[in-house]
């Protein structure tokens, strides 16, 4: 899960950096945009992008990165809960408390 999340974050993060740097859409940049486009599409238009001359900060891409991270984190937590070792015999774990009292 973390590996795939890292790939998604890397592609979308590179997209944000390349768009902010006003990189030309050829070669490597075109590849990054083609791969990350479908990942960012559901989040486009949520908020307007910040545009200054040719530089663009895609707020939707930043939101996508946050949502994908939170979704990945949630999946990892759910898998850990589902695969946690259970006590033998179906008993629920209990804690016993002992009080040590010293008399003088």
Protein backbone atom coordinates (compact mmCIF):
# COMPACT_ATOMS: atom_id res chain seq x y z
CA UNK A 1 0.00 0.00 0.00
CA UNK A 2 2.75 2.46 0.94
CA UNK A 3 4.63 1.68 -2.29
CA UNK A 4 1.61 2.47 -4.48
CA UNK A 5 0.78 5.52 -2.41
CA UNK A 6 4.37 6.70 -2.89
CA UNK A 7 4.06 6.30 -6.65
CA UNK A 8 0.81 8.25 -6.75
CA UNK A 9 2.22 11.01 -4.53
CA UNK A 10 5.39 11.18 -6.66
CA UNK A 11 3.52 11.53 -9.95
CA UNK A 12 1.06 14.11 -8.63
CA UNK A 13 3.83 15.96 -6.77
CA UNK A 14 5.97 16.14 -9.91
CA UNK A 15 2.93 17.45 -11.78
CA UNK A 16 2.52 20.24 -9.21
CA UNK A 17 6.21 21.16 -9.38
CA UNK A 18 6.40 21.09 -13.18
CA UNK A 19 3.22 23.15 -13.58
CA UNK A 20 4.46 25.68 -11.01
CA UNK A 21 7.76 25.93 -12.90
CA UNK A 22 5.87 26.47 -16.19
CA UNK A 23 7.63 23.49 -17.80
CA UNK A 24 6.86 22.87 -21.48
CA UNK A 25 4.53 19.95 -22.14
CA UNK A 26 7.00 17.76 -24.07
CA UNK A 27 8.76 14.47 -23.36
CA UNK A 28 9.04 13.74 -19.65
CA UNK A 29 6.59 16.48 -18.67
CA UNK A 30 4.02 15.09 -21.10
CA UNK A 31 4.48 11.61 -19.60
CA UNK A 32 4.00 12.92 -16.04
CA UNK A 33 0.88 14.84 -17.07
CA UNK A 34 -0.55 11.78 -18.87
CA UNK A 35 -0.02 9.50 -15.87
CA UNK A 36 -1.16 11.96 -13.21
CA UNK A 37 -4.09 13.39 -15.19
CA UNK A 38 -6.58 10.63 -14.30
CA UNK A 39 -5.44 10.73 -10.67
CA UNK A 40 -6.11 14.45 -10.39
CA UNK A 41 -9.27 14.61 -12.54
CA UNK A 42 -11.76 14.01 -9.69
CA UNK A 43 -10.32 16.96 -7.77
CA UNK A 44 -10.08 19.52 -10.58
CA UNK A 45 -12.44 22.44 -10.24
CA UNK A 46 -12.94 22.12 -6.49
CA UNK A 47 -11.07 25.38 -6.03
CA UNK A 48 -9.58 27.73 -8.60
CA UNK A 49 -5.93 27.31 -9.47
CA UNK A 50 -3.48 30.05 -8.60
CA UNK A 51 -2.09 31.47 -11.86
CA UNK A 52 0.76 33.95 -12.16
CA UNK A 53 1.91 34.51 -15.73
CA UNK A 54 2.73 31.02 -17.06
CA UNK A 55 3.12 29.49 -13.61
CA UNK A 56 0.18 27.52 -12.22
CA UNK A 57 -0.30 26.12 -8.74
CA UNK A 58 -2.95 23.44 -9.09
CA UNK A 59 -4.86 23.46 -5.82
CA UNK A 60 -6.85 20.42 -6.99
CA UNK A 61 -3.63 18.44 -7.30
CA UNK A 62 -2.61 19.38 -3.77
CA UNK A 63 -6.04 18.31 -2.52
CA UNK A 64 -5.62 15.03 -4.44
CA UNK A 65 -2.29 14.40 -2.72
CA UNK A 66 -3.87 14.95 0.69
CA UNK A 67 -6.89 12.74 -0.04
CA UNK A 68 -4.74 9.91 -1.45
CA UNK A 69 -2.45 10.06 1.57
CA UNK A 70 -5.37 9.92 4.01
CA UNK A 71 -6.97 7.06 2.06
CA UNK A 72 -3.70 5.10 2.05
CA UNK A 73 -3.23 5.69 5.77
CA UNK A 74 -6.77 4.50 6.45
CA UNK A 75 -6.27 1.34 4.35
CA UNK A 76 -3.05 0.51 6.22
CA UNK A 77 -4.76 1.01 9.60
CA UNK A 78 -7.72 -1.17 8.59
CA UNK A 79 -5.41 -3.93 7.36
CA UNK A 80 -3.47 -3.82 10.63
CA UNK A 81 -6.69 -4.05 12.63
CA UNK A 82 -7.99 -6.93 10.50
CA UNK A 83 -4.73 -8.88 10.70
CA UNK A 84 -3.91 -8.25 14.36
CA UNK A 85 -3.17 -11.43 16.34
CA UNK A 86 -6.09 -12.61 18.42
CA UNK A 87 -5.87 -14.39 21.77
CA UNK A 88 -6.25 -18.19 21.73
CA UNK A 89 -9.64 -19.69 22.53
CA UNK A 90 -11.62 -16.62 21.54
CA UNK A 91 -11.21 -15.07 24.98
CA UNK A 92 -10.98 -11.36 25.29
CA UNK A 93 -7.78 -10.05 26.78
CA UNK A 94 -8.06 -8.77 30.33
CA UNK A 95 -5.69 -6.89 32.55
CA UNK A 96 -5.17 -7.82 36.15
CA UNK A 97 -4.18 -5.20 38.62
CA UNK A 98 -2.31 -6.03 41.78
CA UNK A 99 -1.82 -3.63 44.59
CA UNK A 100 1.34 -3.84 46.59
CA UNK A 101 1.01 -2.39 50.05
CA UNK A 102 3.96 -1.99 52.34
CA UNK A 103 3.31 -1.67 56.10
CA UNK A 104 5.94 -0.34 58.43
